Amino acid sequence: MPNMSPKELLYIEDALGHEQFFMSQCQEAAHQLKDEDLRTCAQRLYDRHRKTFSQFYSLI
């Protein structure tokens, strides 16, 4: 694996933080929504952000 510069690592750390925030927001929305379609949509968004988080995490 190639070495990353400190700036690249900071970018990944920032991206991971954003993805964690989005996951928590989607998860909270999914728990609070009463409409099944909206809840499903929020859960799908959570799953997408979790996948993106995993992809960024695999870089480090």
C-alpha atoms as a PDB file:
ATOM      1  CA  MET A   1       0.000   0.000   0.000  1.00  0.00           C
ATOM      2  CA  PRO A   2       1.435   3.402  -0.917  1.00  0.00           C
ATOM      3  CA  ASN A   3       2.150   5.846   1.870  1.00  0.00           C
ATOM      4  CA  MET A   4      -0.325   8.692   2.212  1.00  0.00           C
ATOM      5  CA  SER A   5       0.611  12.243   2.930  1.00  0.00           C
ATOM      6  CA  PRO A   6      -0.605  13.814   6.178  1.00  0.00           C
ATOM      7  CA  LYS A   7      -2.996  15.944   4.126  1.00  0.00           C
ATOM      8  CA  GLU A   8      -4.507  12.863   2.471  1.00  0.00           C
ATOM      9  CA  LEU A   9      -4.946  11.186   5.854  1.00  0.00           C
ATOM     10  CA  LEU A  10      -6.673  14.289   7.205  1.00  0.00           C
ATOM     11  CA  TYR A  11      -9.012  14.244   4.218  1.00  0.00           C
ATOM     12  CA  ILE A  12      -9.938  10.620   4.878  1.00  0.00           C
ATOM     13  CA  GLU A  13     -10.408  11.332   8.580  1.00  0.00           C
ATOM     14  CA  ASP A  14     -12.717  14.232   7.694  1.00  0.00           C
ATOM     15  CA  ALA A  15     -14.665  12.092   5.211  1.00  0.00           C
ATOM     16  CA  LEU A  16     -15.076   9.352   7.828  1.00  0.00           C
ATOM     17  CA  GLY A  17     -16.449  11.903  10.277  1.00  0.00           C
ATOM     18  CA  HIS A  18     -18.958  13.138   7.723  1.00  0.00           C
ATOM     19  CA  GLU A  19     -20.088   9.624   6.906  1.00  0.00           C
ATOM     20  CA  GLN A  20     -20.519   8.823  10.609  1.00  0.00           C
ATOM     21  CA  PHE A  21     -22.640  11.944  11.010  1.00  0.00           C
ATOM     22  CA  PHE A  22     -24.793  11.048   7.993  1.00  0.00           C
ATOM     23  CA  MET A  23     -25.223   7.487   9.279  1.00  0.00           C
ATOM     24  CA  SER A  24     -26.366   8.713  12.684  1.00  0.00           C
ATOM     25  CA  GLN A  25     -28.818  11.173  11.122  1.00  0.00           C
ATOM     26  CA  CYS A  26     -30.291   8.531   8.820  1.00  0.00           C
ATOM     27  CA  GLN A  27     -30.553   6.004  11.626  1.00  0.00           C
ATOM     28  CA  GLU A  28     -32.265   8.513  13.883  1.00  0.00           C
ATOM     29  CA  ALA A  29     -34.701   9.456  11.112  1.00  0.00           C
ATOM     30  CA  ALA A  30     -35.471   5.799  10.390  1.00  0.00           C
ATOM     31  CA  HIS A  31     -36.356   5.253  14.056  1.00  0.00           C
ATOM     32  CA  GLN A  32     -38.549   8.334  14.265  1.00  0.00           C
ATOM     33  CA  LEU A  33     -40.431   8.146  10.971  1.00  0.00           C
ATOM     34  CA  LYS A  34     -43.892   6.630  11.055  1.00  0.00           C
ATOM     35  CA  ASP A  35     -44.337   6.304   7.288  1.00  0.00           C
ATOM     36  CA  GLU A  36     -42.967   2.947   6.144  1.00  0.00           C
ATOM     37  CA  ASP A  37     -41.766   4.238   2.758  1.00  0.00           C
ATOM     38  CA  LEU A  38     -39.863   7.118   4.331  1.00  0.00           C
ATOM     39  CA  ARG A  39     -38.412   4.823   6.973  1.00  0.00           C
ATOM     40  CA  THR A  40     -37.220   2.445   4.255  1.00  0.00           C
ATOM     41  CA  CYS A  41     -35.678   5.350   2.354  1.00  0.00           C
ATOM     42  CA  ALA A  42     -33.816   6.522   5.467  1.00  0.00           C
ATOM     43  CA  GLN A  43     -32.586   2.971   6.081  1.00  0.00           C
ATOM     44  CA  ARG A  44     -31.313   2.721   2.490  1.00  0.00           C
ATOM     45  CA  LEU A  45     -29.470   6.016   2.898  1.00  0.00           C
ATOM     46  CA  TYR A  46     -27.957   4.695   6.122  1.00  0.00           C
ATOM     47  CA  ASP A  47     -26.785   1.572   4.281  1.00  0.00           C
ATOM     48  CA  ARG A  48     -25.206   3.664   1.509  1.00  0.00           C
ATOM     49  CA  HIS A  49     -23.343   5.847   3.991  1.00  0.00           C
ATOM     50  CA  ARG A  50     -22.181   2.779   5.906  1.00  0.00           C
ATOM     51  CA  LYS A  51     -20.805   1.338   2.665  1.00  0.00           C
ATOM     52  CA  THR A  52     -19.054   4.614   1.838  1.00  0.00           C
ATOM     53  CA  PHE A  53     -17.635   4.730   5.369  1.00  0.00           C
ATOM     54  CA  SER A  54     -16.259   1.222   4.921  1.00  0.00           C
ATOM     55  CA  GLN A  55     -14.697   2.149   1.603  1.00  0.00           C
ATOM     56  CA  PHE A  56     -12.952   5.186   3.083  1.00  0.00           C
ATOM     57  CA  TYR A  57     -11.893   3.169   6.128  1.00  0.00           C
ATOM     58  CA  SER A  58     -10.304   0.527   3.934  1.00  0.00           C
ATOM     59  CA  LEU A  59      -7.948   3.185   2.579  1.00  0.00           C
ATOM     60  CA  ILE A  60      -6.173   3.562   5.907  1.00  0.00           C
END
